[in-house]
Amino acid sequence: MKNIIEISNLSKSFPSPDGEEAVDVFNEVNLSVEQGSSVAIVGPSGSGKSTLLNMIGLLDKPTGGSIEVNQQSLSSLSDQTVAEYRNQTVGFIFQSHHLLPSCTVLENVMVPALAGFGKLEGRQLRNRATELLEEVGLGHRLAHLPSQISGGERQRVAVARALINNPLVLLADEPTGALDQTNSGNLIDLLIQLNDQKGITLLMVTHSADSANKMKQAYHLKDGILNKQR
């Protein structure tokens, strides 16, 4: 199985507020993720877990090192191809669902496909979104607004939305952080099921040891060092 993500000697630092030396988040992080694998990154708050995920999703830029996804160097992408990469290659699930409050559940799932990079439109798009919502157990909520469904259901809508363009990689940043224990377990089980059935590579940042233990691999990020746990 080929590696879908290759990270080499990655570093990230931020300017110091007082103009002195830069503040290092991490240095020389290396990570290889096989296509179709599920990987958890755990570590204390402020260790750079979300920053690392954001750089893979091109929501942030590294200070040094390289990231390749599907054998493509992310540093070589133009502004246009960056937008296409975010829309087609990766799917995002955040701690907060970020659903559009005035759009129905079905409309929220279709939104990423309307950016103009994919081929789905019209009835095909509607059917695809409906099928995904049925897969996540929300086929009966298509016409509901986000305010009319539970927190756990809203996060499942976010999962369906992340899958609408058939991404190669699913990036999940504390996806259960705002959920209770029951809904957290249900969501992680859903992500594992999708990983197994669809072969989508899953990379998840989490504080939850229980969630991390359900992934095929787990890494720990602390004091700027990423170590493999299993």
C-alpha atoms as a PDB file:
ATOM      1  CA  MET A   1       0.000   0.000   0.000  1.00  0.00           C
ATOM      2  CA  LYS A   2       1.401   3.388  -0.976  1.00  0.00           C
ATOM      3  CA  ASN A   3       1.758   6.303   1.410  1.00  0.00           C
ATOM      4  CA  ILE A   4      -0.895   8.958   0.806  1.00  0.00           C
ATOM      5  CA  ILE A   5       0.753  11.477   3.179  1.00  0.00           C
ATOM      6  CA  GLU A   6       4.500  12.065   3.498  1.00  0.00           C
ATOM      7  CA  ILE A   7       5.722  14.720   5.937  1.00  0.00           C
ATOM      8  CA  SER A   8       9.459  15.374   6.164  1.00  0.00           C
ATOM      9  CA  ASN A   9      11.333  17.570   8.647  1.00  0.00           C
ATOM     10  CA  LEU A  10       8.309  19.810   9.136  1.00  0.00           C
ATOM     11  CA  SER A  11       8.672  22.837  11.378  1.00  0.00           C
ATOM     12  CA  LYS A  12       6.380  25.636  12.481  1.00  0.00           C
ATOM     13  CA  SER A  13       7.097  28.783  14.433  1.00  0.00           C
ATOM     14  CA  PHE A  14       5.273  32.024  15.143  1.00  0.00           C
ATOM     15  CA  PRO A  15       6.711  35.498  15.612  1.00  0.00           C
ATOM     16  CA  SER A  16       7.119  36.522  19.216  1.00  0.00           C
ATOM     17  CA  PRO A  17       4.736  39.302  20.333  1.00  0.00           C
ATOM     18  CA  ASP A  18       7.664  41.299  21.682  1.00  0.00           C
ATOM     19  CA  GLY A  19       9.657  40.950  18.480  1.00  0.00           C
ATOM     20  CA  GLU A  20      12.286  38.739  20.043  1.00  0.00           C
ATOM     21  CA  GLU A  21      12.989  35.123  19.014  1.00  0.00           C
ATOM     22  CA  ALA A  22      10.243  33.204  17.224  1.00  0.00           C
ATOM     23  CA  VAL A  23       8.145  30.762  19.230  1.00  0.00           C
ATOM     24  CA  ASP A  24       8.632  27.191  17.968  1.00  0.00           C
ATOM     25  CA  VAL A  25       5.592  24.925  17.792  1.00  0.00           C
ATOM     26  CA  PHE A  26       7.507  21.889  16.552  1.00  0.00           C
ATOM     27  CA  ASN A  27      10.651  21.031  14.616  1.00  0.00           C
ATOM     28  CA  GLU A  28      11.572  18.198  12.247  1.00  0.00           C
ATOM     29  CA  VAL A  29       8.252  16.373  12.438  1.00  0.00           C
ATOM     30  CA  ASN A  30       8.140  13.297  10.205  1.00  0.00           C
ATOM     31  CA  LEU A  31       5.026  11.276   9.420  1.00  0.00           C
ATOM     32  CA  SER A  32       4.048   8.696   6.810  1.00  0.00           C
ATOM     33  CA  VAL A  33       0.429   7.630   6.448  1.00  0.00           C
ATOM     34  CA  GLU A  34      -0.597   4.705   4.275  1.00  0.00           C
ATOM     35  CA  GLN A  35      -3.547   5.089   1.947  1.00  0.00           C
ATOM     36  CA  GLY A  36      -6.700   3.790   3.635  1.00  0.00           C
ATOM     37  CA  SER A  37      -5.231   3.901   7.135  1.00  0.00           C
ATOM     38  CA  SER A  38      -6.715   5.570  10.207  1.00  0.00           C
ATOM     39  CA  VAL A  39      -4.350   7.608  12.370  1.00  0.00           C
ATOM     40  CA  ALA A  40      -4.847   9.470  15.641  1.00  0.00           C
ATOM     41  CA  ILE A  41      -2.612  12.287  16.847  1.00  0.00           C
ATOM     42  CA  VAL A  42      -2.891  12.962  20.567  1.00  0.00           C
ATOM     43  CA  GLY A  43      -1.122  15.351  22.877  1.00  0.00           C
ATOM     44  CA  PRO A  44      -1.649  18.210  25.326  1.00  0.00           C
ATOM     45  CA  SER A  45      -3.369  21.454  24.381  1.00  0.00           C
ATOM     46  CA  GLY A  46      -1.023  23.809  22.581  1.00  0.00           C
ATOM     47  CA  SER A  47       1.276  21.052  21.344  1.00  0.00           C
ATOM     48  CA  GLY A  48       0.534  21.839  17.692  1.00  0.00           C
ATOM     49  CA  LYS A  49      -1.830  18.980  16.806  1.00  0.00           C
ATOM     50  CA  SER A  50      -4.385  21.174  15.077  1.00  0.00           C
ATOM     51  CA  THR A  51      -1.627  23.240  13.466  1.00  0.00           C
ATOM     52  CA  LEU A  52      -0.213  20.071  11.916  1.00  0.00           C
ATOM     53  CA  LEU A  53      -3.634  19.069  10.606  1.00  0.00           C
ATOM     54  CA  ASN A  54      -4.220  22.581   9.229  1.00  0.00           C
ATOM     55  CA  MET A  55      -0.970  22.439   7.288  1.00  0.00           C
ATOM     56  CA  ILE A  56      -1.989  19.146   5.667  1.00  0.00           C
ATOM     57  CA  GLY A  57      -5.273  20.817   4.766  1.00  0.00           C
ATOM     58  CA  LEU A  58      -3.466  23.960   3.516  1.00  0.00           C
ATOM     59  CA  LEU A  59      -5.215  26.141   6.055  1.00  0.00           C
ATOM     60  CA  ASP A  60      -1.766  27.083   7.389  1.00  0.00           C
ATOM     61  CA  LYS A  61       1.784  27.073   6.030  1.00  0.00           C
ATOM     62  CA  PRO A  62       4.855  25.440   7.573  1.00  0.00           C
ATOM     63  CA  THR A  63       7.998  27.357   8.399  1.00  0.00           C
ATOM     64  CA  GLY A  64      10.180  24.606   6.986  1.00  0.00           C
ATOM     65  CA  GLY A  65      10.097  21.045   5.699  1.00  0.00           C
ATOM     66  CA  SER A  66       7.750  19.452   3.190  1.00  0.00           C
ATOM     67  CA  ILE A  67       4.331  17.840   2.909  1.00  0.00           C
ATOM     68  CA  GLU A  68       3.286  15.570   0.059  1.00  0.00           C
ATOM     69  CA  VAL A  69      -0.265  14.303  -0.353  1.00  0.00           C
ATOM     70  CA  ASN A  70      -0.975  11.738  -3.051  1.00  0.00           C
ATOM     71  CA  GLN A  71       2.616  12.244  -4.293  1.00  0.00           C
ATOM     72  CA  GLN A  72       2.045  15.968  -4.808  1.00  0.00           C
ATOM     73  CA  SER A  73       4.119  18.588  -3.006  1.00  0.00           C
ATOM     74  CA  LEU A  74       1.785  21.056  -1.321  1.00  0.00           C
ATOM     75  CA  SER A  75       4.340  23.850  -1.531  1.00  0.00           C
ATOM     76  CA  SER A  76       4.215  23.778  -5.331  1.00  0.00           C
ATOM     77  CA  LEU A  77       0.491  24.472  -5.668  1.00  0.00           C
ATOM     78  CA  SER A  78      -0.805  27.697  -7.179  1.00  0.00           C
ATOM     79  CA  ASP A  79      -3.643  29.646  -5.564  1.00  0.00           C
ATOM     80  CA  GLN A  80      -6.129  27.999  -7.933  1.00  0.00           C
ATOM     81  CA  THR A  81      -4.868  24.480  -7.281  1.00  0.00           C
ATOM     82  CA  VAL A  82      -4.802  25.130  -3.518  1.00  0.00           C
ATOM     83  CA  ALA A  83      -8.529  25.847  -3.638  1.00  0.00           C
ATOM     84  CA  GLU A  84      -9.106  22.730  -5.730  1.00  0.00           C
ATOM     85  CA  TYR A  85      -6.986  20.639  -3.344  1.00  0.00           C
ATOM     86  CA  ARG A  86      -8.998  21.788  -0.317  1.00  0.00           C
ATOM     87  CA  ASN A  87     -12.228  21.028  -2.141  1.00  0.00           C
ATOM     88  CA  GLN A  88     -11.408  17.730  -3.851  1.00  0.00           C
ATOM     89  CA  THR A  89      -8.487  15.975  -2.138  1.00  0.00           C
ATOM     90  CA  VAL A  90      -9.261  16.556   1.540  1.00  0.00           C
ATOM     91  CA  GLY A  91     -12.447  16.678   3.574  1.00  0.00           C
ATOM     92  CA  PHE A  92     -12.625  18.621   6.836  1.00  0.00           C
ATOM     93  CA  ILE A  93     -14.468  17.830  10.064  1.00  0.00           C
ATOM     94  CA  PHE A  94     -13.995  20.350  12.861  1.00  0.00           C
ATOM     95  CA  GLN A  95     -14.962  20.390  16.535  1.00  0.00           C
ATOM     96  CA  SER A  96     -17.722  22.818  15.638  1.00  0.00           C
ATOM     97  CA  HIS A  97     -19.868  21.647  12.744  1.00  0.00           C
ATOM     98  CA  HIS A  98     -19.919  25.070  10.976  1.00  0.00           C
ATOM     99  CA  LEU A  99     -23.235  24.337   9.288  1.00  0.00           C
ATOM    100  CA  LEU A 100     -25.038  27.192   7.539  1.00  0.00           C
ATOM    101  CA  PRO A 101     -28.010  27.961   9.800  1.00  0.00           C
ATOM    102  CA  SER A 102     -30.363  29.089   7.041  1.00  0.00           C
ATOM    103  CA  CYS A 103     -29.743  26.052   4.838  1.00  0.00           C
ATOM    104  CA  THR A 104     -31.381  22.657   5.244  1.00  0.00           C
ATOM    105  CA  VAL A 105     -29.389  19.569   6.162  1.00  0.00           C
ATOM    106  CA  LEU A 106     -29.427  18.468   2.520  1.00  0.00           C
ATOM    107  CA  GLU A 107     -28.326  21.877   1.268  1.00  0.00           C
ATOM    108  CA  ASN A 108     -25.459  22.009   3.784  1.00  0.00           C
ATOM    109  CA  VAL A 109     -24.098  18.706   2.513  1.00  0.00           C
ATOM    110  CA  MET A 110     -24.236  19.914  -1.103  1.00  0.00           C
ATOM    111  CA  VAL A 111     -22.398  23.210  -0.468  1.00  0.00           C
ATOM    112  CA  PRO A 112     -18.780  22.019  -1.096  1.00  0.00           C
ATOM    113  CA  ALA A 113     -19.804  20.574  -4.476  1.00  0.00           C
ATOM    114  CA  LEU A 114     -20.998  23.991  -5.619  1.00  0.00           C
ATOM    115  CA  ALA A 115     -17.480  25.454  -5.678  1.00  0.00           C
ATOM    116  CA  GLY A 116     -17.032  24.478  -9.317  1.00  0.00           C
ATOM    117  CA  PHE A 117     -14.181  21.977  -9.046  1.00  0.00           C
ATOM    118  CA  GLY A 118     -16.186  18.750  -9.240  1.00  0.00           C
ATOM    119  CA  LYS A 119     -18.555  17.265 -11.788  1.00  0.00           C
ATOM    120  CA  LEU A 120     -21.610  16.720  -9.617  1.00  0.00           C
ATOM    121  CA  GLU A 121     -24.551  19.022 -10.202  1.00  0.00           C
ATOM    122  CA  GLY A 122     -28.319  19.035 -10.344  1.00  0.00           C
ATOM    123  CA  ARG A 123     -30.077  15.758  -9.626  1.00  0.00           C
ATOM    124  CA  GLN A 124     -26.807  13.811  -9.422  1.00  0.00           C
ATOM    125  CA  LEU A 125     -25.578  16.089  -6.651  1.00  0.00           C
ATOM    126  CA  ARG A 126     -28.858  15.919  -4.781  1.00  0.00           C
ATOM    127  CA  ASN A 127     -28.885  12.121  -5.025  1.00  0.00           C
ATOM    128  CA  ARG A 128     -25.272  11.889  -3.822  1.00  0.00           C
ATOM    129  CA  ALA A 129     -26.008  14.125  -0.816  1.00  0.00           C
ATOM    130  CA  THR A 130     -29.144  12.155   0.007  1.00  0.00           C
ATOM    131  CA  GLU A 131     -27.255   8.854  -0.126  1.00  0.00           C
ATOM    132  CA  LEU A 132     -24.551  10.172   2.198  1.00  0.00           C
ATOM    133  CA  LEU A 133     -27.111  11.414   4.706  1.00  0.00           C
ATOM    134  CA  GLU A 134     -28.786   8.017   4.619  1.00  0.00           C
ATOM    135  CA  GLU A 135     -25.401   6.373   5.247  1.00  0.00           C
ATOM    136  CA  VAL A 136     -24.884   8.479   8.373  1.00  0.00           C
ATOM    137  CA  GLY A 137     -28.424   7.750   9.582  1.00  0.00           C
ATOM    138  CA  LEU A 138     -30.017  11.073   8.684  1.00  0.00           C
ATOM    139  CA  GLY A 139     -32.144  10.208   5.686  1.00  0.00           C
ATOM    140  CA  HIS A 140     -35.184  11.397   7.656  1.00  0.00           C
ATOM    141  CA  ARG A 141     -33.683  14.837   8.350  1.00  0.00           C
ATOM    142  CA  LEU A 142     -33.101  16.164   4.818  1.00  0.00           C
ATOM    143  CA  ALA A 143     -35.413  19.173   5.091  1.00  0.00           C
ATOM    144  CA  HIS A 144     -34.535  20.076   8.694  1.00  0.00           C
ATOM    145  CA  LEU A 145     -32.517  23.149   9.596  1.00  0.00           C
ATOM    146  CA  PRO A 146     -29.429  22.714  11.822  1.00  0.00           C
ATOM    147  CA  SER A 147     -31.345  24.300  14.729  1.00  0.00           C
ATOM    148  CA  GLN A 148     -33.941  21.544  14.456  1.00  0.00           C
ATOM    149  CA  ILE A 149     -31.573  18.601  15.011  1.00  0.00           C
ATOM    150  CA  SER A 150     -29.339  17.509  17.887  1.00  0.00           C
ATOM    151  CA  GLY A 151     -25.639  18.216  18.331  1.00  0.00           C
ATOM    152  CA  GLY A 152     -24.726  14.649  17.444  1.00  0.00           C
ATOM    153  CA  GLU A 153     -26.840  14.842  14.311  1.00  0.00           C
ATOM    154  CA  ARG A 154     -25.264  18.149  13.294  1.00  0.00           C
ATOM    155  CA  GLN A 155     -21.834  16.585  13.510  1.00  0.00           C
ATOM    156  CA  ARG A 156     -22.980  13.666  11.344  1.00  0.00           C
ATOM    157  CA  VAL A 157     -24.192  16.200   8.782  1.00  0.00           C
ATOM    158  CA  ALA A 158     -20.665  17.649   8.868  1.00  0.00           C
ATOM    159  CA  VAL A 159     -19.270  14.182   8.159  1.00  0.00           C
ATOM    160  CA  ALA A 160     -21.572  13.754   5.157  1.00  0.00           C
ATOM    161  CA  ARG A 161     -20.587  17.212   3.918  1.00  0.00           C
ATOM    162  CA  ALA A 162     -16.893  16.307   4.178  1.00  0.00           C
ATOM    163  CA  LEU A 163     -17.501  13.261   1.982  1.00  0.00           C
ATOM    164  CA  ILE A 164     -19.563  14.896  -0.772  1.00  0.00           C
ATOM    165  CA  ASN A 165     -16.594  15.285  -3.171  1.00  0.00           C
ATOM    166  CA  ASN A 166     -15.102  11.814  -2.523  1.00  0.00           C
ATOM    167  CA  PRO A 167     -11.910  13.076  -0.834  1.00  0.00           C
ATOM    168  CA  LEU A 168      -8.813  10.920  -0.543  1.00  0.00           C
ATOM    169  CA  VAL A 169      -8.120  12.127   3.003  1.00  0.00           C
ATOM    170  CA  LEU A 170     -10.490  12.983   5.832  1.00  0.00           C
ATOM    171  CA  LEU A 171      -9.035  15.471   8.347  1.00  0.00           C
ATOM    172  CA  ALA A 172     -10.889  15.432  11.673  1.00  0.00           C
ATOM    173  CA  ASP A 173      -9.908  18.039  14.274  1.00  0.00           C
ATOM    174  CA  GLU A 174     -11.357  17.093  17.677  1.00  0.00           C
ATOM    175  CA  PRO A 175     -14.592  15.938  15.990  1.00  0.00           C
ATOM    176  CA  THR A 176     -16.102  14.757  19.280  1.00  0.00           C
ATOM    177  CA  GLY A 177     -14.982  17.724  21.405  1.00  0.00           C
ATOM    178  CA  ALA A 178     -18.471  19.225  21.668  1.00  0.00           C
ATOM    179  CA  LEU A 179     -20.339  15.925  22.098  1.00  0.00           C
ATOM    180  CA  ASP A 180     -21.345  13.835  25.094  1.00  0.00           C
ATOM    181  CA  GLN A 181     -19.861  10.393  25.644  1.00  0.00           C
ATOM    182  CA  THR A 182     -22.594   8.473  23.827  1.00  0.00           C
ATOM    183  CA  ASN A 183     -22.592  10.702  20.754  1.00  0.00           C
ATOM    184  CA  SER A 184     -18.783  10.762  20.773  1.00  0.00           C
ATOM    185  CA  GLY A 185     -18.634   6.997  20.623  1.00  0.00           C
ATOM    186  CA  ASN A 186     -21.244   6.885  17.876  1.00  0.00           C
ATOM    187  CA  LEU A 187     -19.377   9.426  15.764  1.00  0.00           C
ATOM    188  CA  ILE A 188     -16.017   7.643  16.085  1.00  0.00           C
ATOM    189  CA  ASP A 189     -17.683   4.346  15.174  1.00  0.00           C
ATOM    190  CA  LEU A 190     -19.165   6.042  12.110  1.00  0.00           C
ATOM    191  CA  LEU A 191     -15.770   7.399  11.034  1.00  0.00           C
ATOM    192  CA  ILE A 192     -14.187   3.970  11.459  1.00  0.00           C
ATOM    193  CA  GLN A 193     -16.977   2.400   9.440  1.00  0.00           C
ATOM    194  CA  LEU A 194     -16.463   4.911   6.625  1.00  0.00           C
ATOM    195  CA  ASN A 195     -12.716   4.334   6.732  1.00  0.00           C
ATOM    196  CA  ASP A 196     -13.201   0.568   6.457  1.00  0.00           C
ATOM    197  CA  GLN A 197     -15.925   0.604   3.816  1.00  0.00           C
ATOM    198  CA  LYS A 198     -14.772   3.455   1.581  1.00  0.00           C
ATOM    199  CA  GLY A 199     -11.016   3.229   2.065  1.00  0.00           C
ATOM    200  CA  ILE A 200     -10.759   6.927   2.862  1.00  0.00           C
ATOM    201  CA  THR A 201      -7.609   7.781   4.787  1.00  0.00           C
ATOM    202  CA  LEU A 202      -8.575   9.166   8.199  1.00  0.00           C
ATOM    203  CA  LEU A 203      -6.290  11.486  10.156  1.00  0.00           C
ATOM    204  CA  MET A 204      -7.765  12.623  13.458  1.00  0.00           C
ATOM    205  CA  VAL A 205      -6.571  14.954  16.189  1.00  0.00           C
ATOM    206  CA  THR A 206      -8.089  14.114  19.553  1.00  0.00           C
ATOM    207  CA  HIS A 207      -7.711  14.434  23.318  1.00  0.00           C
ATOM    208  CA  SER A 208      -9.668  11.216  23.799  1.00  0.00           C
ATOM    209  CA  ALA A 209      -7.609   8.120  24.530  1.00  0.00           C
ATOM    210  CA  ASP A 210     -10.680   5.957  23.812  1.00  0.00           C
ATOM    211  CA  SER A 211     -11.068   7.502  20.358  1.00  0.00           C
ATOM    212  CA  ALA A 212      -7.356   7.201  19.615  1.00  0.00           C
ATOM    213  CA  ASN A 213      -7.358   3.531  20.610  1.00  0.00           C
ATOM    214  CA  LYS A 214      -9.902   2.787  17.882  1.00  0.00           C
ATOM    215  CA  MET A 215      -7.570   4.047  15.151  1.00  0.00           C
ATOM    216  CA  LYS A 216      -5.138   1.711  13.398  1.00  0.00           C
ATOM    217  CA  GLN A 217      -2.188   3.903  14.388  1.00  0.00           C
ATOM    218  CA  ALA A 218      -1.593   6.519  17.063  1.00  0.00           C
ATOM    219  CA  TYR A 219       1.035   9.235  17.489  1.00  0.00           C
ATOM    220  CA  HIS A 220       1.802  11.522  20.417  1.00  0.00           C
ATOM    221  CA  LEU A 221       2.869  15.134  19.886  1.00  0.00           C
ATOM    222  CA  LYS A 222       4.512  16.857  22.852  1.00  0.00           C
ATOM    223  CA  ASP A 223       7.270  19.416  23.269  1.00  0.00           C
ATOM    224  CA  GLY A 224       7.619  19.665  19.506  1.00  0.00           C
ATOM    225  CA  ILE A 225       8.278  15.942  19.048  1.00  0.00           C
ATOM    226  CA  LEU A 226       5.979  13.487  17.277  1.00  0.00           C
ATOM    227  CA  ASN A 227       6.399   9.910  18.492  1.00  0.00           C
ATOM    228  CA  LYS A 228       4.605   6.816  17.276  1.00  0.00           C
ATOM    229  CA  GLN A 229       2.729   5.018  20.050  1.00  0.00           C
ATOM    230  CA  ARG A 230       1.580   2.031  18.000  1.00  0.00           C
END
